[in-house]
Amino acid sequence: MHKLEAEQKRLEEDTLVYNRLQEQLKLSPAYKQMIEIGVRMEQKASSEKLVDTTDAEFASISFEELLAQEKKDSFWQRNGKLRPCTN
């Protein structure tokens, strides 16, 4: 029984030391910089996924389908009729 109590006390002391070290680490400039870099890397990865998704959308459409969509665009129409391209 005495051995278990000694082990319990040692674990509690180790826990206090661990928690104190963890708090000191969180307050350090290096830790804060590491967290900021991690956030930036996640944002960059997230924005790259958005670009990949957009690229995949355009890759799945044929040229003819894209051309048909562009012809429907109001930029190419004048008074509801297709505007001719002039050189």
N, C-alpha and C. Protein backbone atom coordinates (compact mmCIF):
# COMPACT_ATOMS: atom_id res chain seq x y z
N MET A 1 0.82 -1.19 0.00
CA MET A 1 0.00 0.00 0.00
C MET A 1 0.87 1.26 0.00
N HIS A 2 1.90 1.24 0.79
CA HIS A 2 2.80 2.38 0.87
C HIS A 2 3.45 2.67 -0.48
N LYS A 3 3.74 1.59 -1.23
CA LYS A 3 4.36 1.74 -2.56
C LYS A 3 3.40 2.45 -3.52
N LEU A 4 2.12 2.11 -3.46
CA LEU A 4 1.13 2.76 -4.32
C LEU A 4 0.96 4.24 -3.98
N GLU A 5 0.98 4.57 -2.71
CA GLU A 5 0.87 5.97 -2.29
C GLU A 5 2.07 6.78 -2.76
N ALA A 6 3.26 6.19 -2.67
CA ALA A 6 4.48 6.86 -3.14
C ALA A 6 4.42 7.08 -4.65
N GLU A 7 3.93 6.08 -5.37
CA GLU A 7 3.78 6.19 -6.83
C GLU A 7 2.77 7.29 -7.17
N GLN A 8 1.67 7.35 -6.45
CA GLN A 8 0.65 8.38 -6.66
C GLN A 8 1.23 9.77 -6.43
N LYS A 9 1.99 9.93 -5.36
CA LYS A 9 2.60 11.23 -5.05
C LYS A 9 3.59 11.64 -6.13
N ARG A 10 4.40 10.67 -6.60
CA ARG A 10 5.37 10.96 -7.66
C ARG A 10 4.64 11.39 -8.94
N LEU A 11 3.56 10.72 -9.28
CA LEU A 11 2.78 11.08 -10.47
C LEU A 11 2.17 12.48 -10.36
N GLU A 12 1.70 12.82 -9.18
CA GLU A 12 1.14 14.16 -8.98
C GLU A 12 2.21 15.23 -9.14
N GLU A 13 3.41 14.97 -8.60
CA GLU A 13 4.52 15.93 -8.74
C GLU A 13 4.93 16.06 -10.21
N ASP A 14 4.99 14.92 -10.90
CA ASP A 14 5.33 14.95 -12.33
C ASP A 14 4.30 15.74 -13.12
N THR A 15 3.04 15.59 -12.74
CA THR A 15 1.96 16.31 -13.42
C THR A 15 2.11 17.81 -13.22
N LEU A 16 2.44 18.23 -12.02
CA LEU A 16 2.65 19.66 -11.75
C LEU A 16 3.80 20.21 -12.58
N VAL A 17 4.92 19.46 -12.63
CA VAL A 17 6.08 19.91 -13.41
C VAL A 17 5.70 19.99 -14.89
N TYR A 18 5.03 18.97 -15.40
CA TYR A 18 4.63 18.94 -16.80
C TYR A 18 3.73 20.14 -17.13
N ASN A 19 2.74 20.38 -16.30
CA ASN A 19 1.81 21.50 -16.55
C ASN A 19 2.53 22.84 -16.49
N ARG A 20 3.46 23.00 -15.55
CA ARG A 20 4.23 24.24 -15.44
C ARG A 20 5.08 24.46 -16.70
N LEU A 21 5.75 23.40 -17.16
CA LEU A 21 6.56 23.51 -18.38
C LEU A 21 5.69 23.82 -19.60
N GLN A 22 4.52 23.21 -19.66
CA GLN A 22 3.62 23.46 -20.78
C GLN A 22 3.16 24.92 -20.80
N GLU A 23 2.85 25.47 -19.66
CA GLU A 23 2.44 26.88 -19.59
C GLU A 23 3.58 27.80 -20.00
N GLN A 24 4.80 27.50 -19.55
CA GLN A 24 5.96 28.31 -19.93
C GLN A 24 6.19 28.25 -21.43
N LEU A 25 6.02 27.06 -22.00
CA LEU A 25 6.19 26.90 -23.45
C LEU A 25 5.17 27.75 -24.20
N LYS A 26 3.92 27.73 -23.76
CA LYS A 26 2.87 28.49 -24.44
C LYS A 26 3.12 30.00 -24.39
N LEU A 27 3.85 30.45 -23.40
CA LEU A 27 4.14 31.88 -23.28
C LEU A 27 5.39 32.29 -24.06
N SER A 28 6.15 31.33 -24.55
CA SER A 28 7.41 31.65 -25.22
C SER A 28 7.16 32.21 -26.62
N PRO A 29 8.02 33.13 -27.07
CA PRO A 29 7.88 33.70 -28.42
C PRO A 29 8.02 32.63 -29.52
N ALA A 30 8.88 31.65 -29.30
CA ALA A 30 9.07 30.61 -30.31
C ALA A 30 7.78 29.80 -30.51
N TYR A 31 7.09 29.49 -29.43
CA TYR A 31 5.84 28.74 -29.52
C TYR A 31 4.78 29.56 -30.25
N LYS A 32 4.68 30.84 -29.92
CA LYS A 32 3.71 31.71 -30.58
C LYS A 32 3.99 31.80 -32.07
N GLN A 33 5.27 31.90 -32.43
CA GLN A 33 5.64 31.97 -33.84
C GLN A 33 5.31 30.65 -34.54
N MET A 34 5.56 29.54 -33.86
CA MET A 34 5.25 28.23 -34.44
C MET A 34 3.75 28.11 -34.70
N ILE A 35 2.93 28.58 -33.79
CA ILE A 35 1.47 28.53 -33.97
C ILE A 35 1.05 29.41 -35.15
N GLU A 36 1.63 30.61 -35.26
CA GLU A 36 1.30 31.52 -36.37
C GLU A 36 1.67 30.89 -37.71
N ILE A 37 2.83 30.25 -37.77
CA ILE A 37 3.26 29.60 -39.01
C ILE A 37 2.31 28.47 -39.36
N GLY A 38 1.90 27.71 -38.36
CA GLY A 38 0.95 26.62 -38.59
C GLY A 38 -0.37 27.12 -39.14
N VAL A 39 -0.86 28.23 -38.61
CA VAL A 39 -2.12 28.81 -39.08
C VAL A 39 -1.97 29.26 -40.54
N ARG A 40 -0.85 29.92 -40.85
CA ARG A 40 -0.64 30.37 -42.23
C ARG A 40 -0.56 29.19 -43.19
N MET A 41 0.11 28.12 -42.77
CA MET A 41 0.22 26.94 -43.63
C MET A 41 -1.14 26.31 -43.87
N GLU A 42 -1.98 26.26 -42.85
CA GLU A 42 -3.33 25.72 -43.01
C GLU A 42 -4.16 26.59 -43.95
N GLN A 43 -4.03 27.91 -43.82
CA GLN A 43 -4.77 28.82 -44.70
C GLN A 43 -4.31 28.64 -46.15
N LYS A 44 -3.01 28.51 -46.34
CA LYS A 44 -2.48 28.32 -47.69
C LYS A 44 -2.97 27.01 -48.28
N ALA A 45 -2.95 25.95 -47.49
CA ALA A 45 -3.43 24.65 -47.96
C ALA A 45 -4.91 24.72 -48.30
N SER A 46 -5.67 25.43 -47.49
CA SER A 46 -7.10 25.58 -47.72
C SER A 46 -7.36 26.35 -49.02
N SER A 47 -6.61 27.43 -49.24
CA SER A 47 -6.82 28.21 -50.46
C SER A 47 -6.37 27.43 -51.69
N GLU A 48 -5.35 26.59 -51.56
CA GLU A 48 -4.91 25.77 -52.68
C GLU A 48 -5.97 24.73 -53.03
N LYS A 49 -6.67 24.21 -52.02
CA LYS A 49 -7.75 23.26 -52.28
C LYS A 49 -8.86 23.94 -53.06
N LEU A 50 -9.16 25.20 -52.73
CA LEU A 50 -10.19 25.94 -53.46
C LEU A 50 -9.79 26.11 -54.91
N VAL A 51 -8.53 26.42 -55.16
CA VAL A 51 -8.05 26.58 -56.53
C VAL A 51 -8.12 25.25 -57.26
N ASP A 52 -7.72 24.16 -56.60
CA ASP A 52 -7.78 22.84 -57.22
C ASP A 52 -9.21 22.48 -57.57
N THR A 53 -10.17 22.80 -56.70
CA THR A 53 -11.56 22.50 -56.96
C THR A 53 -12.05 23.28 -58.17
N THR A 54 -11.69 24.55 -58.24
CA THR A 54 -12.08 25.38 -59.38
C THR A 54 -11.46 24.85 -60.66
N ASP A 55 -10.19 24.49 -60.62
CA ASP A 55 -9.53 23.92 -61.79
C ASP A 55 -10.21 22.64 -62.23
N ALA A 56 -10.61 21.82 -61.28
CA ALA A 56 -11.28 20.56 -61.61
C ALA A 56 -12.62 20.83 -62.28
N GLU A 57 -13.33 21.87 -61.83
CA GLU A 57 -14.60 22.23 -62.45
C GLU A 57 -14.39 22.60 -63.91
N PHE A 58 -13.40 23.42 -64.18
CA PHE A 58 -13.15 23.86 -65.55
C PHE A 58 -12.58 22.73 -66.40
N ALA A 59 -11.84 21.83 -65.79
CA ALA A 59 -11.27 20.72 -66.55
C ALA A 59 -12.35 19.75 -66.99
N SER A 60 -13.46 19.69 -66.27
CA SER A 60 -14.51 18.73 -66.59
C SER A 60 -15.46 19.24 -67.67
N ILE A 61 -15.34 20.49 -68.06
CA ILE A 61 -16.23 21.06 -69.07
C ILE A 61 -15.50 21.10 -70.42
N SER A 62 -16.22 20.77 -71.47
CA SER A 62 -15.59 20.79 -72.80
C SER A 62 -15.53 22.22 -73.32
N PHE A 63 -14.72 22.41 -74.33
CA PHE A 63 -14.58 23.73 -74.93
C PHE A 63 -15.91 24.22 -75.48
N GLU A 64 -16.63 23.30 -76.12
CA GLU A 64 -17.92 23.67 -76.71
C GLU A 64 -18.92 24.11 -75.64
N GLU A 65 -18.93 23.40 -74.51
CA GLU A 65 -19.83 23.78 -73.42
C GLU A 65 -19.45 25.14 -72.85
N LEU A 66 -18.16 25.38 -72.71
CA LEU A 66 -17.70 26.67 -72.21
C LEU A 66 -18.08 27.79 -73.18
N LEU A 67 -17.91 27.54 -74.46
CA LEU A 67 -18.26 28.53 -75.47
C LEU A 67 -19.76 28.83 -75.43
N ALA A 68 -20.57 27.80 -75.27
CA ALA A 68 -22.03 28.00 -75.18
C ALA A 68 -22.38 28.84 -73.96
N GLN A 69 -21.71 28.60 -72.85
CA GLN A 69 -21.96 29.40 -71.65
C GLN A 69 -21.56 30.85 -71.87
N GLU A 70 -20.44 31.06 -72.51
CA GLU A 70 -19.97 32.42 -72.76
C GLU A 70 -20.91 33.17 -73.70
N LYS A 71 -21.47 32.48 -74.67
CA LYS A 71 -22.40 33.14 -75.60
C LYS A 71 -23.67 33.58 -74.88
N LYS A 72 -24.04 32.88 -73.83
CA LYS A 72 -25.22 33.26 -73.05
C LYS A 72 -24.94 34.45 -72.14
N ASP A 73 -23.68 34.74 -71.92
CA ASP A 73 -23.28 35.83 -71.03
C ASP A 73 -23.78 37.16 -71.60
N SER A 74 -24.32 38.01 -70.75
CA SER A 74 -24.90 39.28 -71.20
C SER A 74 -23.87 40.22 -71.81
N PHE A 75 -22.59 40.04 -71.52
CA PHE A 75 -21.56 40.89 -72.11
C PHE A 75 -21.58 40.81 -73.62
N TRP A 76 -21.86 39.62 -74.15
CA TRP A 76 -21.83 39.42 -75.60
C TRP A 76 -23.15 39.79 -76.27
N GLN A 77 -24.12 40.20 -75.50
CA GLN A 77 -25.43 40.48 -76.08
C GLN A 77 -25.75 41.97 -76.02
N ARG A 78 -26.37 42.47 -77.08
CA ARG A 78 -26.84 43.84 -77.12
C ARG A 78 -28.33 43.78 -77.43
N ASN A 79 -29.13 44.30 -76.52
CA ASN A 79 -30.59 44.29 -76.68
C ASN A 79 -31.12 42.87 -76.91
N GLY A 80 -30.54 41.91 -76.22
CA GLY A 80 -31.03 40.53 -76.32
C GLY A 80 -30.51 39.77 -77.52
N LYS A 81 -29.71 40.42 -78.39
CA LYS A 81 -29.18 39.73 -79.57
C LYS A 81 -27.67 39.62 -79.43
N LEU A 82 -27.11 38.60 -80.05
CA LEU A 82 -25.67 38.43 -80.00
C LEU A 82 -24.98 39.58 -80.70
N ARG A 83 -23.95 40.09 -80.09
CA ARG A 83 -23.17 41.18 -80.64
C ARG A 83 -22.05 40.58 -81.49
N PRO A 84 -21.85 41.03 -82.69
CA PRO A 84 -20.77 40.47 -83.51
C PRO A 84 -19.41 40.95 -83.01
N CYS A 85 -18.42 40.10 -83.16
CA CYS A 85 -17.05 40.49 -82.81
C CYS A 85 -16.45 41.16 -84.03
N THR A 86 -15.92 42.37 -83.86
CA THR A 86 -15.31 43.08 -84.99
C THR A 86 -13.83 43.24 -84.75
N ASN A 87 -13.08 43.24 -85.82
CA ASN A 87 -11.62 43.41 -85.73
C ASN A 87 -11.22 44.82 -86.03
